[in-house]
Amino acid sequence: MSLNNTTLTVALVSGETNAFGAVTQSINFTHQAQSISNPITNGTASGQGNHSMEVTGTAGTGGVTIDLTAVVGGLDGKTRDFSNGGSGGSVKTLIIENLDATNTITITQGSNGWTGFSGAATGFDYPIEPGGCLVIHSPGSGKAVSSTNKDFTLTGSAGTPAYKMSIVGVAA
């Protein structure tokens, strides 16, 4: 299996309208990430990845732990080990989207907390509001995964909010 060229495209299009006395002026801007011109290609070196997957699930109030050395799903339904079998794997892109319309999903680190969020193995606590997402994109060397640097928990504020997670990286 080989990775197709993968590009993350992120853009924010916004603006404001302000009244200055009798004059009203609108100003708009577009911030678009430069990564469009720097795709992740197939391989295991800098700027490369060899596996990608999209996983959906639910995060109940008891939480669901995501172990990056044993992510199940994707197009072929197989398990991916983003530590690359202990041989220096990494996550190049991670998107976690809260699909729920009313409940928050909070990301925290597990017992072998993945340092890809903040550089630390503990202490990360990030709520994804309904309809929101968290994006990490590190196309060069990526964010390392190992047997002791591998997991995080998704916990719903109520009910069982659905999430979608997309991962690109170097995996076995």
Protein backbone atom coordinates (compact mmCIF):
# COMPACT_ATOMS: atom_id res chain seq x y z
CA MET A 1 0.00 0.00 0.00
CA SER A 2 1.27 3.49 -0.76
CA LEU A 3 0.03 6.92 0.18
CA ASN A 4 -1.45 9.16 -2.49
CA ASN A 5 -0.13 12.73 -2.45
CA THR A 6 -1.92 14.41 0.45
CA THR A 7 -2.59 18.12 0.79
CA LEU A 8 -4.11 19.97 3.73
CA THR A 9 -5.95 23.09 2.64
CA VAL A 10 -6.97 25.55 5.33
CA ALA A 11 -8.48 28.95 4.66
CA LEU A 12 -10.18 31.58 6.79
CA VAL A 13 -12.27 34.10 4.89
CA SER A 14 -13.65 36.88 7.07
CA GLY A 15 -14.00 40.61 7.48
CA GLU A 16 -15.76 43.43 9.28
CA THR A 17 -18.01 46.31 8.49
CA ASN A 18 -17.46 49.46 10.54
CA ALA A 19 -19.23 52.78 10.59
CA PHE A 20 -17.08 55.88 10.92
CA GLY A 21 -19.51 58.77 11.23
CA ALA A 22 -21.47 58.92 7.97
CA VAL A 23 -19.08 56.49 6.22
CA THR A 24 -19.49 52.71 6.39
CA GLN A 25 -16.61 50.59 5.18
CA SER A 26 -16.26 46.82 4.77
CA ILE A 27 -12.86 45.16 4.84
CA ASN A 28 -12.37 41.48 4.06
CA PHE A 29 -9.36 39.20 4.20
CA THR A 30 -8.39 35.65 3.31
CA HIS A 31 -5.77 33.73 5.23
CA GLN A 32 -4.83 30.59 3.38
CA ALA A 33 -2.16 28.15 4.56
CA GLN A 34 0.89 27.78 2.34
CA SER A 35 0.84 23.99 2.67
CA ILE A 36 -1.15 23.78 -0.56
CA SER A 37 2.17 23.95 -2.40
CA ASN A 38 3.88 21.45 -0.08
CA PRO A 39 2.03 18.10 -0.23
CA ILE A 40 2.93 15.05 1.83
CA THR A 41 4.19 12.46 -0.65
CA ASN A 42 4.56 8.69 -0.32
CA GLY A 43 7.48 7.49 1.79
CA THR A 44 8.84 7.62 5.33
CA ALA A 45 11.22 10.61 5.24
CA SER A 46 10.67 14.29 5.98
CA GLY A 47 7.68 15.59 4.03
CA GLN A 48 6.43 12.05 3.48
CA GLY A 49 3.93 9.60 4.94
CA ASN A 50 2.92 6.07 4.07
CA HIS A 51 -0.57 5.69 5.58
CA SER A 52 -3.73 7.71 5.98
CA MET A 53 -7.06 6.92 7.52
CA GLU A 54 -10.38 8.42 8.50
CA VAL A 55 -12.14 7.04 11.56
CA THR A 56 -15.53 7.90 13.01
CA GLY A 57 -16.80 7.07 16.46
CA THR A 58 -18.57 8.34 19.54
CA ALA A 59 -17.14 9.81 22.71
CA GLY A 60 -19.32 9.09 25.72
CA THR A 61 -19.08 10.71 29.14
CA GLY A 62 -16.72 7.90 30.19
CA GLY A 63 -14.37 8.75 27.33
CA VAL A 64 -12.84 6.72 24.53
CA THR A 65 -9.06 6.28 24.40
CA ILE A 66 -7.32 6.61 21.05
CA ASP A 67 -4.11 4.57 20.96
CA LEU A 68 -2.00 5.76 18.02
CA THR A 69 -0.15 2.42 17.99
CA ALA A 70 -3.41 0.56 17.32
CA VAL A 71 -5.87 2.73 15.37
CA VAL A 72 -8.56 0.57 13.75
CA GLY A 73 -10.56 1.58 10.70
CA GLY A 74 -9.82 3.47 7.57
CA LEU A 75 -10.52 2.45 4.01
CA ASP A 76 -9.38 -1.15 4.45
CA GLY A 77 -10.52 -1.61 8.08
CA LYS A 78 -7.02 -2.62 9.19
CA THR A 79 -5.13 -1.53 12.30
CA ARG A 80 -2.41 1.11 11.88
CA ASP A 81 0.55 1.58 14.21
CA PHE A 82 1.77 5.17 13.91
CA SER A 83 4.91 4.29 15.90
CA ASN A 84 5.81 2.33 12.72
CA GLY A 85 6.24 -0.86 14.75
CA GLY A 86 8.57 1.03 17.11
CA SER A 87 10.79 2.09 14.20
CA GLY A 88 10.25 5.84 14.35
CA GLY A 89 6.72 6.50 13.20
CA SER A 90 4.88 9.79 13.44
CA VAL A 91 1.68 11.68 12.81
CA LYS A 92 2.04 14.32 10.08
CA THR A 93 -1.59 15.52 10.08
CA LEU A 94 -4.36 14.97 12.61
CA ILE A 95 -7.85 16.43 12.37
CA ILE A 96 -10.43 15.74 15.08
CA GLU A 97 -13.89 17.12 14.32
CA ASN A 98 -16.84 17.24 16.73
CA LEU A 99 -19.88 16.25 14.65
CA ASP A 100 -22.36 16.78 17.49
CA ALA A 101 -24.72 19.77 17.40
CA THR A 102 -24.98 20.30 21.17
CA ASN A 103 -22.26 18.49 23.15
CA THR A 104 -18.57 19.27 23.61
CA ILE A 105 -15.80 16.68 23.16
CA THR A 106 -12.76 17.26 25.35
CA ILE A 107 -9.32 15.90 24.43
CA THR A 108 -7.03 14.88 27.31
CA GLN A 109 -3.92 12.74 27.43
CA GLY A 110 -4.03 9.13 28.61
CA SER A 111 -1.67 7.09 30.75
CA ASN A 112 0.91 7.09 27.93
CA GLY A 113 0.01 10.59 26.83
CA TRP A 114 0.85 11.56 23.27
CA THR A 115 3.12 14.62 23.27
CA GLY A 116 2.02 15.71 19.79
CA PHE A 117 -0.50 18.19 21.18
CA SER A 118 1.72 20.29 23.43
CA GLY A 119 5.15 18.72 23.76
CA ALA A 120 4.25 17.38 27.23
CA ALA A 121 2.85 13.94 28.10
CA THR A 122 0.30 15.34 30.55
CA GLY A 123 -1.74 18.46 31.12
CA PHE A 124 -3.36 18.90 27.71
CA ASP A 125 -7.08 19.57 28.09
CA TYR A 126 -8.81 20.94 25.01
CA PRO A 127 -12.58 21.18 24.53
CA ILE A 128 -13.85 20.97 20.96
CA GLU A 129 -17.17 22.79 20.87
CA PRO A 130 -20.10 21.44 18.82
CA GLY A 131 -19.19 21.75 15.15
CA GLY A 132 -15.57 22.63 15.96
CA CYS A 133 -12.29 20.88 15.19
CA LEU A 134 -8.65 20.60 16.18
CA VAL A 135 -6.02 20.46 13.42
CA ILE A 136 -2.35 19.57 13.81
CA HIS A 137 -0.22 19.65 10.66
CA SER A 138 3.49 18.93 10.88
CA PRO A 139 4.45 17.80 7.35
CA GLY A 140 8.21 17.66 7.92
CA SER A 141 9.26 15.28 10.67
CA GLY A 142 5.77 14.98 12.16
CA LYS A 143 4.86 14.38 15.79
CA ALA A 144 6.55 11.25 17.17
CA VAL A 145 4.62 8.22 18.39
CA SER A 146 6.13 5.43 20.54
CA SER A 147 5.01 2.75 22.98
CA THR A 148 5.02 5.29 25.82
CA ASN A 149 4.00 8.36 23.79
CA LYS A 150 0.83 7.22 22.14
CA ASP A 151 -2.62 7.94 23.52
CA PHE A 152 -5.29 10.52 24.22
CA THR A 153 -8.90 10.41 25.37
CA LEU A 154 -11.99 11.96 23.79
CA THR A 155 -14.73 12.59 26.37
CA GLY A 156 -18.23 13.86 25.65
CA SER A 157 -19.83 16.47 27.91
CA ALA A 158 -23.15 14.57 27.71
CA GLY A 159 -24.66 11.80 25.63
CA THR A 160 -22.42 10.22 23.00
CA PRO A 161 -21.22 12.96 20.65
CA ALA A 162 -19.91 11.70 17.31
CA TYR A 163 -16.44 12.59 16.04
CA LYS A 164 -14.50 12.18 12.82
CA MET A 165 -10.74 11.79 12.97
CA SER A 166 -8.36 11.89 9.98
CA ILE A 167 -4.70 10.88 10.33
CA VAL A 168 -1.78 10.94 7.90
CA GLY A 169 1.65 9.72 8.96
CA VAL A 170 4.36 7.11 8.99
CA ALA A 171 2.89 3.84 10.24
CA ALA A 172 3.17 0.08 10.10
